[in-house]
């Protein structure tokens, strides 16, 4: 019984190591000369990497987002100049709250002030 258990553990352990010990020898490394067309000489600057297109595209998208953000911030700034946001007597209301007599004042759920 113990012999079978030991053999089973050795077999399981060796199969795990066998899967990790594969040598990578069949992969060909692409050299710089194989990237260029034979018979023509190219400088490095004329060789176009596939990532250059994506990089240029991302830069363009970034610039478009920055222009959109400038528009958004200008609009927010104009909105914040309204008395609803700049005048402290509005208490965050859209319209100025009414000033009622002391006996008729109500609790405001929006700003949690009695006015």
PDB file of N, CA and C in Angstrom:
ATOM      1  N   UNK A   1       0.831  -1.198   0.000  1.00  0.00           N
ATOM      2  CA  UNK A   1       0.000   0.000   0.000  1.00  0.00           C
ATOM      3  C   UNK A   1       0.870   1.255   0.000  1.00  0.00           C
ATOM      4  N   UNK A   2       1.870   1.307   0.850  1.00  0.00           N
ATOM      5  CA  UNK A   2       2.746   2.469   0.948  1.00  0.00           C
ATOM      6  C   UNK A   2       3.592   2.586  -0.316  1.00  0.00           C
ATOM      7  N   UNK A   3       4.017   1.440  -0.868  1.00  0.00           N
ATOM      8  CA  UNK A   3       4.812   1.474  -2.098  1.00  0.00           C
ATOM      9  C   UNK A   3       4.020   2.070  -3.255  1.00  0.00           C
ATOM     10  N   UNK A   4       2.742   1.720  -3.356  1.00  0.00           N
ATOM     11  CA  UNK A   4       1.902   2.255  -4.426  1.00  0.00           C
ATOM     12  C   UNK A   4       1.717   3.763  -4.266  1.00  0.00           C
ATOM     13  N   UNK A   5       1.569   4.217  -3.035  1.00  0.00           N
ATOM     14  CA  UNK A   5       1.395   5.641  -2.754  1.00  0.00           C
ATOM     15  C   UNK A   5       2.652   6.422  -3.134  1.00  0.00           C
ATOM     16  N   UNK A   6       3.818   5.882  -2.812  1.00  0.00           N
ATOM     17  CA  UNK A   6       5.082   6.547  -3.136  1.00  0.00           C
ATOM     18  C   UNK A   6       5.260   6.623  -4.650  1.00  0.00           C
ATOM     19  N   UNK A   7       4.953   5.528  -5.341  1.00  0.00           N
ATOM     20  CA  UNK A   7       5.083   5.511  -6.796  1.00  0.00           C
ATOM     21  C   UNK A   7       4.123   6.519  -7.426  1.00  0.00           C
ATOM     22  N   UNK A   8       2.916   6.607  -6.902  1.00  0.00           N
ATOM     23  CA  UNK A   8       1.938   7.562  -7.414  1.00  0.00           C
ATOM     24  C   UNK A   8       2.420   8.999  -7.231  1.00  0.00           C
ATOM     25  N   UNK A   9       2.962   9.331  -6.069  1.00  0.00           N
ATOM     26  CA  UNK A   9       3.460  10.679  -5.806  1.00  0.00           C
ATOM     27  C   UNK A   9       4.644  11.019  -6.705  1.00  0.00           C
ATOM     28  N   UNK A  10       5.551  10.060  -6.915  1.00  0.00           N
ATOM     29  CA  UNK A  10       6.703  10.287  -7.781  1.00  0.00           C
ATOM     30  C   UNK A  10       6.236  10.517  -9.206  1.00  0.00           C
ATOM     31  N   UNK A  11       5.259   9.741  -9.659  1.00  0.00           N
ATOM     32  CA  UNK A  11       4.743   9.881 -11.016  1.00  0.00           C
ATOM     33  C   UNK A  11       4.087  11.251 -11.221  1.00  0.00           C
ATOM     34  N   UNK A  12       3.283  11.678 -10.250  1.00  0.00           N
ATOM     35  CA  UNK A  12       2.611  12.975 -10.349  1.00  0.00           C
ATOM     36  C   UNK A  12       3.640  14.101 -10.317  1.00  0.00           C
ATOM     37  N   UNK A  13       4.620  14.030  -9.456  1.00  0.00           N
ATOM     38  CA  UNK A  13       5.659  15.053  -9.355  1.00  0.00           C
ATOM     39  C   UNK A  13       6.498  15.145 -10.611  1.00  0.00           C
ATOM     40  N   UNK A  14       6.845  14.001 -11.204  1.00  0.00           N
ATOM     41  CA  UNK A  14       7.685  14.015 -12.402  1.00  0.00           C
ATOM     42  C   UNK A  14       6.910  14.541 -13.609  1.00  0.00           C
ATOM     43  N   UNK A  15       5.607  14.277 -13.673  1.00  0.00           N
ATOM     44  CA  UNK A  15       4.830  14.787 -14.801  1.00  0.00           C
ATOM     45  C   UNK A  15       4.710  16.305 -14.734  1.00  0.00           C
ATOM     46  N   UNK A  16       4.650  16.866 -13.544  1.00  0.00           N
ATOM     47  CA  UNK A  16       4.580  18.323 -13.399  1.00  0.00           C
ATOM     48  C   UNK A  16       5.886  18.959 -13.850  1.00  0.00           C
ATOM     49  N   UNK A  17       7.026  18.338 -13.507  1.00  0.00           N
ATOM     50  CA  UNK A  17       8.313  18.876 -13.926  1.00  0.00           C
ATOM     51  C   UNK A  17       8.523  18.693 -15.428  1.00  0.00           C
ATOM     52  N   UNK A  18       7.997  17.626 -15.972  1.00  0.00           N
ATOM     53  CA  UNK A  18       8.175  17.360 -17.393  1.00  0.00           C
ATOM     54  C   UNK A  18       7.478  18.415 -18.238  1.00  0.00           C
ATOM     55  N   UNK A  19       6.365  18.936 -17.779  1.00  0.00           N
ATOM     56  CA  UNK A  19       5.650  19.942 -18.543  1.00  0.00           C
ATOM     57  C   UNK A  19       6.391  21.276 -18.556  1.00  0.00           C
ATOM     58  N   UNK A  20       7.123  21.596 -17.504  1.00  0.00           N
ATOM     59  CA  UNK A  20       7.819  22.867 -17.412  1.00  0.00           C
ATOM     60  C   UNK A  20       9.195  22.842 -18.048  1.00  0.00           C
ATOM     61  N   UNK A  21       9.736  21.690 -18.374  1.00  0.00           N
ATOM     62  CA  UNK A  21      11.109  21.608 -18.844  1.00  0.00           C
ATOM     63  C   UNK A  21      11.227  21.545 -20.363  1.00  0.00           C
ATOM     64  N   UNK A  22      10.244  22.064 -21.088  1.00  0.00           N
ATOM     65  CA  UNK A  22      10.302  22.079 -22.543  1.00  0.00           C
ATOM     66  C   UNK A  22      11.288  23.148 -22.969  1.00  0.00           C
ATOM     67  N   UNK A  23      12.231  22.786 -23.828  1.00  0.00           N
ATOM     68  CA  UNK A  23      13.218  23.748 -24.287  1.00  0.00           C
ATOM     69  C   UNK A  23      12.717  24.417 -25.552  1.00  0.00           C
ATOM     70  N   UNK A  24      12.929  25.707 -25.611  1.00  0.00           N
ATOM     71  CA  UNK A  24      12.476  26.471 -26.766  1.00  0.00           C
ATOM     72  C   UNK A  24      13.672  26.635 -27.690  1.00  0.00           C
ATOM     73  N   UNK A  25      13.798  25.732 -28.656  1.00  0.00           N
ATOM     74  CA  UNK A  25      14.920  25.799 -29.594  1.00  0.00           C
ATOM     75  C   UNK A  25      14.446  26.014 -31.019  1.00  0.00           C
ATOM     76  N   UNK A  26      13.185  25.752 -31.281  1.00  0.00           N
ATOM     77  CA  UNK A  26      12.693  25.818 -32.654  1.00  0.00           C
ATOM     78  C   UNK A  26      12.272  27.222 -33.061  1.00  0.00           C
ATOM     79  N   UNK A  27      12.291  28.186 -32.142  1.00  0.00           N
ATOM     80  CA  UNK A  27      11.861  29.538 -32.459  1.00  0.00           C
ATOM     81  C   UNK A  27      12.994  30.268 -33.180  1.00  0.00           C
ATOM     82  N   UNK A  28      12.695  30.801 -34.349  1.00  0.00           N
ATOM     83  CA  UNK A  28      13.691  31.560 -35.095  1.00  0.00           C
ATOM     84  C   UNK A  28      13.602  33.017 -34.651  1.00  0.00           C
ATOM     85  N   UNK A  29      14.750  33.584 -34.392  1.00  0.00           N
ATOM     86  CA  UNK A  29      14.778  34.993 -34.043  1.00  0.00           C
ATOM     87  C   UNK A  29      14.913  35.792 -35.330  1.00  0.00           C
ATOM     88  N   UNK A  30      14.050  36.756 -35.492  1.00  0.00           N
ATOM     89  CA  UNK A  30      14.042  37.565 -36.697  1.00  0.00           C
ATOM     90  C   UNK A  30      15.148  38.603 -36.603  1.00  0.00           C
ATOM     91  N   UNK A  31      16.006  38.632 -37.573  1.00  0.00           N
ATOM     92  CA  UNK A  31      17.103  39.590 -37.553  1.00  0.00           C
ATOM     93  C   UNK A  31      16.665  40.878 -38.208  1.00  0.00           C
ATOM     94  N   UNK A  32      17.480  41.899 -38.019  1.00  0.00           N
ATOM     95  CA  UNK A  32      17.158  43.214 -38.572  1.00  0.00           C
ATOM     96  C   UNK A  32      17.180  43.158 -40.091  1.00  0.00           C
ATOM     97  N   UNK A  33      18.097  42.387 -40.669  1.00  0.00           N
ATOM     98  CA  UNK A  33      18.210  42.340 -42.127  1.00  0.00           C
ATOM     99  C   UNK A  33      17.013  41.644 -42.764  1.00  0.00           C
ATOM    100  N   UNK A  34      16.333  40.755 -42.040  1.00  0.00           N
ATOM    101  CA  UNK A  34      15.190  40.063 -42.629  1.00  0.00           C
ATOM    102  C   UNK A  34      13.951  40.956 -42.686  1.00  0.00           C
ATOM    103  N   UNK A  35      13.972  42.080 -41.990  1.00  0.00           N
ATOM    104  CA  UNK A  35      12.830  42.986 -42.015  1.00  0.00           C
ATOM    105  C   UNK A  35      12.812  43.842 -43.270  1.00  0.00           C
ATOM    106  N   UNK A  36      13.944  43.980 -43.918  1.00  0.00           N
ATOM    107  CA  UNK A  36      14.056  44.834 -45.090  1.00  0.00           C
ATOM    108  C   UNK A  36      14.000  44.002 -46.360  1.00  0.00           C
ATOM    109  N   UNK A  37      13.572  44.628 -47.418  1.00  0.00           N
ATOM    110  CA  UNK A  37      13.501  43.956 -48.711  1.00  0.00           C
ATOM    111  C   UNK A  37      14.916  43.785 -49.249  1.00  0.00           C
ATOM    112  N   UNK A  38      15.200  42.598 -49.768  1.00  0.00           N
ATOM    113  CA  UNK A  38      16.542  42.345 -50.293  1.00  0.00           C
ATOM    114  C   UNK A  38      16.764  43.169 -51.554  1.00  0.00           C
ATOM    115  N   UNK A  39      17.970  43.662 -51.704  1.00  0.00           N
ATOM    116  CA  UNK A  39      18.313  44.433 -52.886  1.00  0.00           C
ATOM    117  C   UNK A  39      18.167  45.926 -52.676  1.00  0.00           C
ATOM    118  N   UNK A  40      17.434  46.352 -51.664  1.00  0.00           N
ATOM    119  CA  UNK A  40      17.262  47.769 -51.384  1.00  0.00           C
ATOM    120  C   UNK A  40      17.887  48.068 -50.027  1.00  0.00           C
ATOM    121  N   UNK A  41      18.424  49.239 -49.918  1.00  0.00           N
ATOM    122  CA  UNK A  41      18.986  49.623 -48.620  1.00  0.00           C
ATOM    123  C   UNK A  41      18.085  50.694 -48.012  1.00  0.00           C
ATOM    124  N   UNK A  42      17.678  50.471 -46.792  1.00  0.00           N
ATOM    125  CA  UNK A  42      16.814  51.404 -46.081  1.00  0.00           C
ATOM    126  C   UNK A  42      17.545  51.889 -44.841  1.00  0.00           C
ATOM    127  N   UNK A  43      17.321  53.123 -44.527  1.00  0.00           N
ATOM    128  CA  UNK A  43      17.844  53.603 -43.255  1.00  0.00           C
ATOM    129  C   UNK A  43      16.797  53.297 -42.181  1.00  0.00           C
ATOM    130  N   UNK A  44      17.198  53.377 -40.949  1.00  0.00           N
ATOM    131  CA  UNK A  44      16.285  53.064 -39.852  1.00  0.00           C
ATOM    132  C   UNK A  44      15.115  54.028 -39.827  1.00  0.00           C
ATOM    133  N   UNK A  45      15.355  55.271 -40.242  1.00  0.00           N
ATOM    134  CA  UNK A  45      14.294  56.279 -40.169  1.00  0.00           C
ATOM    135  C   UNK A  45      13.186  56.023 -41.186  1.00  0.00           C
ATOM    136  N   UNK A  46      13.483  55.333 -42.303  1.00  0.00           N
ATOM    137  CA  UNK A  46      12.446  55.071 -43.289  1.00  0.00           C
ATOM    138  C   UNK A  46      11.660  53.815 -42.973  1.00  0.00           C
ATOM    139  N   UNK A  47      12.159  52.994 -42.077  1.00  0.00           N
ATOM    140  CA  UNK A  47      11.443  51.772 -41.708  1.00  0.00           C
ATOM    141  C   UNK A  47      10.300  52.150 -40.775  1.00  0.00           C
ATOM    142  N   UNK A  48       9.081  51.793 -41.138  1.00  0.00           N
ATOM    143  CA  UNK A  48       7.897  52.171 -40.366  1.00  0.00           C
ATOM    144  C   UNK A  48       7.514  51.009 -39.462  1.00  0.00           C
ATOM    145  N   UNK A  49       7.524  51.262 -38.188  1.00  0.00           N
ATOM    146  CA  UNK A  49       7.099  50.247 -37.232  1.00  0.00           C
ATOM    147  C   UNK A  49       5.576  50.212 -37.197  1.00  0.00           C
ATOM    148  N   UNK A  50       4.997  49.072 -36.937  1.00  0.00           N
ATOM    149  CA  UNK A  50       3.528  49.019 -36.880  1.00  0.00           C
ATOM    150  C   UNK A  50       2.958  49.812 -35.708  1.00  0.00           C
ATOM    151  N   UNK A  51       3.779  50.065 -34.694  1.00  0.00           N
ATOM    152  CA  UNK A  51       3.280  50.791 -33.525  1.00  0.00           C
ATOM    153  C   UNK A  51       3.242  52.296 -33.765  1.00  0.00           C
ATOM    154  N   UNK A  52       3.964  52.792 -34.775  1.00  0.00           N
ATOM    155  CA  UNK A  52       3.970  54.222 -35.042  1.00  0.00           C
ATOM    156  C   UNK A  52       2.581  54.725 -35.396  1.00  0.00           C
ATOM    157  N   UNK A  53       1.857  53.952 -36.196  1.00  0.00           N
ATOM    158  CA  UNK A  53       0.506  54.344 -36.586  1.00  0.00           C
ATOM    159  C   UNK A  53      -0.393  54.445 -35.363  1.00  0.00           C
ATOM    160  N   UNK A  54      -0.330  53.453 -34.486  1.00  0.00           N
ATOM    161  CA  UNK A  54      -1.176  53.450 -33.290  1.00  0.00           C
ATOM    162  C   UNK A  54      -0.779  54.576 -32.347  1.00  0.00           C
ATOM    163  N   UNK A  55       0.520  54.849 -32.240  1.00  0.00           N
ATOM    164  CA  UNK A  55       0.982  55.935 -31.382  1.00  0.00           C
ATOM    165  C   UNK A  55       0.465  57.273 -31.897  1.00  0.00           C
ATOM    166  N   UNK A  56       0.570  57.503 -33.214  1.00  0.00           N
ATOM    167  CA  UNK A  56       0.071  58.745 -33.794  1.00  0.00           C
ATOM    168  C   UNK A  56      -1.427  58.882 -33.595  1.00  0.00           C
ATOM    169  N   UNK A  57      -2.123  57.770 -33.721  1.00  0.00           N
ATOM    170  CA  UNK A  57      -3.571  57.780 -33.543  1.00  0.00           C
ATOM    171  C   UNK A  57      -3.928  58.133 -32.098  1.00  0.00           C
ATOM    172  N   UNK A  58      -3.196  57.568 -31.143  1.00  0.00           N
ATOM    173  CA  UNK A  58      -3.469  57.860 -29.730  1.00  0.00           C
ATOM    174  C   UNK A  58      -3.149  59.313 -29.400  1.00  0.00           C
ATOM    175  N   UNK A  59      -2.096  59.862 -29.990  1.00  0.00           N
ATOM    176  CA  UNK A  59      -1.755  61.272 -29.759  1.00  0.00           C
ATOM    177  C   UNK A  59      -2.870  62.161 -30.286  1.00  0.00           C
ATOM    178  N   UNK A  60      -3.401  61.817 -31.467  1.00  0.00           N
ATOM    179  CA  UNK A  60      -4.493  62.594 -32.049  1.00  0.00           C
ATOM    180  C   UNK A  60      -5.744  62.532 -31.165  1.00  0.00           C
ATOM    181  N   UNK A  61      -6.068  61.337 -30.665  1.00  0.00           N
ATOM    182  CA  UNK A  61      -7.220  61.194 -29.770  1.00  0.00           C
ATOM    183  C   UNK A  61      -7.032  62.006 -28.494  1.00  0.00           C
ATOM    184  N   UNK A  62      -5.803  62.012 -27.969  1.00  0.00           N
ATOM    185  CA  UNK A  62      -5.497  62.774 -26.755  1.00  0.00           C
ATOM    186  C   UNK A  62      -5.727  64.265 -26.994  1.00  0.00           C
ATOM    187  N   UNK A  63      -5.240  64.768 -28.139  1.00  0.00           N
ATOM    188  CA  UNK A  63      -5.414  66.191 -28.436  1.00  0.00           C
ATOM    189  C   UNK A  63      -6.895  66.550 -28.600  1.00  0.00           C
ATOM    190  N   UNK A  64      -7.664  65.672 -29.221  1.00  0.00           N
ATOM    191  CA  UNK A  64      -9.106  65.912 -29.366  1.00  0.00           C
ATOM    192  C   UNK A  64      -9.793  65.949 -28.008  1.00  0.00           C
ATOM    193  N   UNK A  65      -9.391  65.047 -27.102  1.00  0.00           N
ATOM    194  CA  UNK A  65      -9.979  65.046 -25.751  1.00  0.00           C
ATOM    195  C   UNK A  65      -9.630  66.320 -25.005  1.00  0.00           C
ATOM    196  N   UNK A  66      -8.395  66.814 -25.175  1.00  0.00           N
ATOM    197  CA  UNK A  66      -7.987  68.040 -24.488  1.00  0.00           C
ATOM    198  C   UNK A  66      -8.788  69.242 -24.995  1.00  0.00           C
ATOM    199  N   UNK A  67      -9.050  69.305 -26.290  1.00  0.00           N
ATOM    200  CA  UNK A  67      -9.871  70.392 -26.842  1.00  0.00           C
ATOM    201  C   UNK A  67     -11.289  70.300 -26.285  1.00  0.00           C
ATOM    202  N   UNK A  68     -11.829  69.087 -26.216  1.00  0.00           N
ATOM    203  CA  UNK A  68     -13.174  68.909 -25.665  1.00  0.00           C
ATOM    204  C   UNK A  68     -13.207  69.300 -24.189  1.00  0.00           C
ATOM    205  N   UNK A  69     -12.145  68.981 -23.446  1.00  0.00           N
ATOM    206  CA  UNK A  69     -12.090  69.347 -22.025  1.00  0.00           C
ATOM    207  C   UNK A  69     -12.047  70.854 -21.838  1.00  0.00           C
ATOM    208  N   UNK A  70     -11.321  71.550 -22.703  1.00  0.00           N
ATOM    209  CA  UNK A  70     -11.266  73.021 -22.608  1.00  0.00           C
ATOM    210  C   UNK A  70     -12.659  73.602 -22.793  1.00  0.00           C
ATOM    211  N   UNK A  71     -13.396  73.092 -23.782  1.00  0.00           N
ATOM    212  CA  UNK A  71     -14.761  73.560 -24.002  1.00  0.00           C
ATOM    213  C   UNK A  71     -15.629  73.289 -22.783  1.00  0.00           C
ATOM    214  N   UNK A  72     -15.479  72.082 -22.212  1.00  0.00           N
ATOM    215  CA  UNK A  72     -16.294  71.700 -21.055  1.00  0.00           C
ATOM    216  C   UNK A  72     -15.995  72.594 -19.854  1.00  0.00           C
ATOM    217  N   UNK A  73     -14.710  72.884 -19.620  1.00  0.00           N
ATOM    218  CA  UNK A  73     -14.346  73.705 -18.466  1.00  0.00           C
ATOM    219  C   UNK A  73     -14.802  75.158 -18.637  1.00  0.00           C
ATOM    220  N   UNK A  74     -14.747  75.667 -19.861  1.00  0.00           N
ATOM    221  CA  UNK A  74     -15.250  77.031 -20.100  1.00  0.00           C
ATOM    222  C   UNK A  74     -16.751  77.108 -19.844  1.00  0.00           C
ATOM    223  N   UNK A  75     -17.467  76.077 -20.268  1.00  0.00           N
ATOM    224  CA  UNK A  75     -18.917  76.041 -20.048  1.00  0.00           C
ATOM    225  C   UNK A  75     -19.225  75.968 -18.553  1.00  0.00           C
ATOM    226  N   UNK A  76     -18.469  75.158 -17.815  1.00  0.00           N
ATOM    227  CA  UNK A  76     -18.667  75.068 -16.360  1.00  0.00           C
ATOM    228  C   UNK A  76     -18.382  76.408 -15.690  1.00  0.00           C
ATOM    229  N   UNK A  77     -17.342  77.093 -16.172  1.00  0.00           N
ATOM    230  CA  UNK A  77     -16.995  78.396 -15.589  1.00  0.00           C
ATOM    231  C   UNK A  77     -18.100  79.413 -15.809  1.00  0.00           C
ATOM    232  N   UNK A  78     -18.686  79.428 -17.025  1.00  0.00           N
ATOM    233  CA  UNK A  78     -19.814  80.335 -17.291  1.00  0.00           C
ATOM    234  C   UNK A  78     -21.004  80.000 -16.404  1.00  0.00           C
ATOM    235  N   UNK A  79     -21.235  78.703 -16.208  1.00  0.00           N
ATOM    236  CA  UNK A  79     -22.364  78.266 -15.384  1.00  0.00           C
ATOM    237  C   UNK A  79     -22.164  78.665 -13.921  1.00  0.00           C
ATOM    238  N   UNK A  80     -20.933  78.594 -13.448  1.00  0.00           N
ATOM    239  CA  UNK A  80     -20.669  78.921 -12.041  1.00  0.00           C
ATOM    240  C   UNK A  80     -20.792  80.416 -11.753  1.00  0.00           C
ATOM    241  N   UNK A  81     -20.810  81.255 -12.789  1.00  0.00           N
ATOM    242  CA  UNK A  81     -20.989  82.692 -12.578  1.00  0.00           C
ATOM    243  C   UNK A  81     -22.437  83.060 -12.305  1.00  0.00           C
ATOM    244  N   UNK A  82     -23.373  82.161 -12.546  1.00  0.00           N
ATOM    245  CA  UNK A  82     -24.782  82.427 -12.275  1.00  0.00           C
ATOM    246  C   UNK A  82     -24.973  82.651 -10.777  1.00  0.00           C
ATOM    247  N   UNK A  83     -25.963  83.471 -10.400  1.00  0.00           N
ATOM    248  CA  UNK A  83     -26.163  83.755  -8.970  1.00  0.00           C
ATOM    249  C   UNK A  83     -26.521  82.516  -8.156  1.00  0.00           C
ATOM    250  N   UNK A  84     -27.070  81.521  -8.812  1.00  0.00           N
ATOM    251  CA  UNK A  84     -27.418  80.285  -8.111  1.00  0.00           C
ATOM    252  C   UNK A  84     -26.181  79.669  -7.445  1.00  0.00           C
ATOM    253  N   UNK A  85     -25.015  79.821  -8.073  1.00  0.00           N
ATOM    254  CA  UNK A  85     -23.789  79.231  -7.548  1.00  0.00           C
ATOM    255  C   UNK A  85     -22.883  80.250  -6.874  1.00  0.00           C
ATOM    256  N   UNK A  86     -22.921  81.515  -7.337  1.00  0.00           N
ATOM    257  CA  UNK A  86     -21.990  82.507  -6.807  1.00  0.00           C
ATOM    258  C   UNK A  86     -22.546  83.314  -5.636  1.00  0.00           C
ATOM    259  N   UNK A  87     -23.856  83.459  -5.534  1.00  0.00           N
ATOM    260  CA  UNK A  87     -24.463  84.256  -4.461  1.00  0.00           C
ATOM    261  C   UNK A  87     -24.759  83.348  -3.267  1.00  0.00           C
ATOM    262  N   UNK A  88     -24.194  83.635  -2.084  1.00  0.00           N
ATOM    263  CA  UNK A  88     -24.416  82.751  -0.931  1.00  0.00           C
ATOM    264  C   UNK A  88     -25.844  82.776  -0.391  1.00  0.00           C
ATOM    265  N   UNK A  89     -26.642  83.774  -0.762  1.00  0.00           N
ATOM    266  CA  UNK A  89     -28.010  83.830  -0.244  1.00  0.00           C
ATOM    267  C   UNK A  89     -28.936  82.822  -0.934  1.00  0.00           C
ATOM    268  N   UNK A  90     -28.479  82.143  -1.962  1.00  0.00           N
ATOM    269  CA  UNK A  90     -29.294  81.148  -2.655  1.00  0.00           C
ATOM    270  C   UNK A  90     -29.265  79.790  -1.948  1.00  0.00           C
ATOM    271  N   UNK A  91     -28.278  79.537  -1.099  1.00  0.00           N
ATOM    272  CA  UNK A  91     -28.153  78.301  -0.316  1.00  0.00           C
ATOM    273  C   UNK A  91     -28.200  77.042  -1.193  1.00  0.00           C
ATOM    274  N   UNK A  92     -27.743  77.136  -2.433  1.00  0.00           N
ATOM    275  CA  UNK A  92     -27.763  75.983  -3.327  1.00  0.00           C
ATOM    276  C   UNK A  92     -29.073  75.770  -4.047  1.00  0.00           C
ATOM    277  N   UNK A  93     -30.042  76.678  -3.852  1.00  0.00           N
ATOM    278  CA  UNK A  93     -31.324  76.578  -4.543  1.00  0.00           C
ATOM    279  C   UNK A  93     -31.215  77.149  -5.947  1.00  0.00           C
ATOM    280  N   UNK A  94     -32.158  76.759  -6.800  1.00  0.00           N
ATOM    281  CA  UNK A  94     -32.195  77.306  -8.145  1.00  0.00           C
ATOM    282  C   UNK A  94     -32.682  78.755  -8.101  1.00  0.00           C
ATOM    283  N   UNK A  95     -33.712  79.003  -7.294  1.00  0.00           N
ATOM    284  CA  UNK A  95     -34.215  80.355  -7.064  1.00  0.00           C
ATOM    285  C   UNK A  95     -33.999  80.715  -5.603  1.00  0.00           C
ATOM    286  N   UNK A  96     -33.902  81.991  -5.344  1.00  0.00           N
ATOM    287  CA  UNK A  96     -33.679  82.449  -3.973  1.00  0.00           C
ATOM    288  C   UNK A  96     -34.856  82.036  -3.101  1.00  0.00           C
ATOM    289  N   UNK A  97     -34.623  81.418  -1.938  1.00  0.00           N
ATOM    290  CA  UNK A  97     -35.740  81.025  -1.084  1.00  0.00           C
ATOM    291  C   UNK A  97     -36.447  82.250  -0.479  1.00  0.00           C
ATOM    292  N   UNK A  98     -37.740  82.096  -0.265  1.00  0.00           N
ATOM    293  CA  UNK A  98     -38.537  83.198   0.305  1.00  0.00           C
ATOM    294  C   UNK A  98     -38.151  83.407   1.758  1.00  0.00           C
ATOM    295  N   UNK A  99     -38.222  84.663   2.195  1.00  0.00           N
ATOM    296  CA  UNK A  99     -37.998  84.965   3.607  1.00  0.00           C
ATOM    297  C   UNK A  99     -39.373  85.083   4.247  1.00  0.00           C
ATOM    298  N   UNK A 100     -39.741  84.079   5.010  1.00  0.00           N
ATOM    299  CA  UNK A 100     -41.061  84.069   5.650  1.00  0.00           C
ATOM    300  C   UNK A 100     -40.977  84.690   7.043  1.00  0.00           C
ATOM    301  N   UNK A 101     -42.136  84.977   7.588  1.00  0.00           N
ATOM    302  CA  UNK A 101     -42.201  85.494   8.950  1.00  0.00           C
ATOM    303  C   UNK A 101     -41.725  84.413   9.913  1.00  0.00           C
ATOM    304  N   UNK A 102     -41.218  84.781  11.084  1.00  0.00           N
ATOM    305  CA  UNK A 102     -40.676  83.782  12.011  1.00  0.00           C
ATOM    306  C   UNK A 102     -41.666  82.674  12.395  1.00  0.00           C
ATOM    307  N   UNK A 103     -42.942  82.941  12.482  1.00  0.00           N
ATOM    308  CA  UNK A 103     -43.914  81.915  12.847  1.00  0.00           C
ATOM    309  C   UNK A 103     -44.294  80.999  11.692  1.00  0.00           C
ATOM    310  N   UNK A 104     -44.014  81.407  10.463  1.00  0.00           N
ATOM    311  CA  UNK A 104     -44.435  80.641   9.295  1.00  0.00           C
ATOM    312  C   UNK A 104     -43.274  79.979   8.542  1.00  0.00           C
ATOM    313  N   UNK A 105     -42.095  79.986   9.138  1.00  0.00           N
ATOM    314  CA  UNK A 105     -40.932  79.410   8.459  1.00  0.00           C
ATOM    315  C   UNK A 105     -41.069  77.904   8.333  1.00  0.00           C
ATOM    316  N   UNK A 106     -40.482  77.367   7.256  1.00  0.00           N
ATOM    317  CA  UNK A 106     -40.551  75.933   6.984  1.00  0.00           C
ATOM    318  C   UNK A 106     -39.143  75.359   6.908  1.00  0.00           C
ATOM    319  N   UNK A 107     -39.040  74.062   7.217  1.00  0.00           N
ATOM    320  CA  UNK A 107     -37.766  73.363   7.108  1.00  0.00           C
ATOM    321  C   UNK A 107     -37.554  72.971   5.646  1.00  0.00           C
ATOM    322  N   UNK A 108     -36.432  73.345   5.113  1.00  0.00           N
ATOM    323  CA  UNK A 108     -36.124  73.051   3.703  1.00  0.00           C
ATOM    324  C   UNK A 108     -35.364  71.735   3.629  1.00  0.00           C
ATOM    325  N   UNK A 109     -35.875  70.803   2.841  1.00  0.00           N
ATOM    326  CA  UNK A 109     -35.242  69.491   2.704  1.00  0.00           C
ATOM    327  C   UNK A 109     -33.969  69.577   1.831  1.00  0.00           C
ATOM    328  N   UNK A 110     -33.921  70.561   0.958  1.00  0.00           N
ATOM    329  CA  UNK A 110     -32.789  70.668   0.040  1.00  0.00           C
ATOM    330  C   UNK A 110     -31.517  71.166   0.734  1.00  0.00           C
ATOM    331  N   UNK A 111     -31.645  72.237   1.521  1.00  0.00           N
ATOM    332  CA  UNK A 111     -30.459  72.799   2.172  1.00  0.00           C
ATOM    333  C   UNK A 111     -30.462  72.573   3.677  1.00  0.00           C
ATOM    334  N   UNK A 112     -31.516  71.976   4.193  1.00  0.00           N
ATOM    335  CA  UNK A 112     -31.643  71.654   5.625  1.00  0.00           C
ATOM    336  C   UNK A 112     -31.524  72.892   6.491  1.00  0.00           C
ATOM    337  N   UNK A 113     -32.120  73.975   6.039  1.00  0.00           N
ATOM    338  CA  UNK A 113     -32.174  75.233   6.800  1.00  0.00           C
ATOM    339  C   UNK A 113     -33.630  75.635   6.920  1.00  0.00           C
ATOM    340  N   UNK A 114     -34.004  76.252   8.044  1.00  0.00           N
ATOM    341  CA  UNK A 114     -35.359  76.751   8.226  1.00  0.00           C
ATOM    342  C   UNK A 114     -35.390  78.169   7.656  1.00  0.00           C
ATOM    343  N   UNK A 115     -36.193  78.370   6.638  1.00  0.00           N
ATOM    344  CA  UNK A 115     -36.344  79.723   6.062  1.00  0.00           C
ATOM    345  C   UNK A 115     -37.704  79.854   5.408  1.00  0.00           C
TER     346      UNK A 115
END
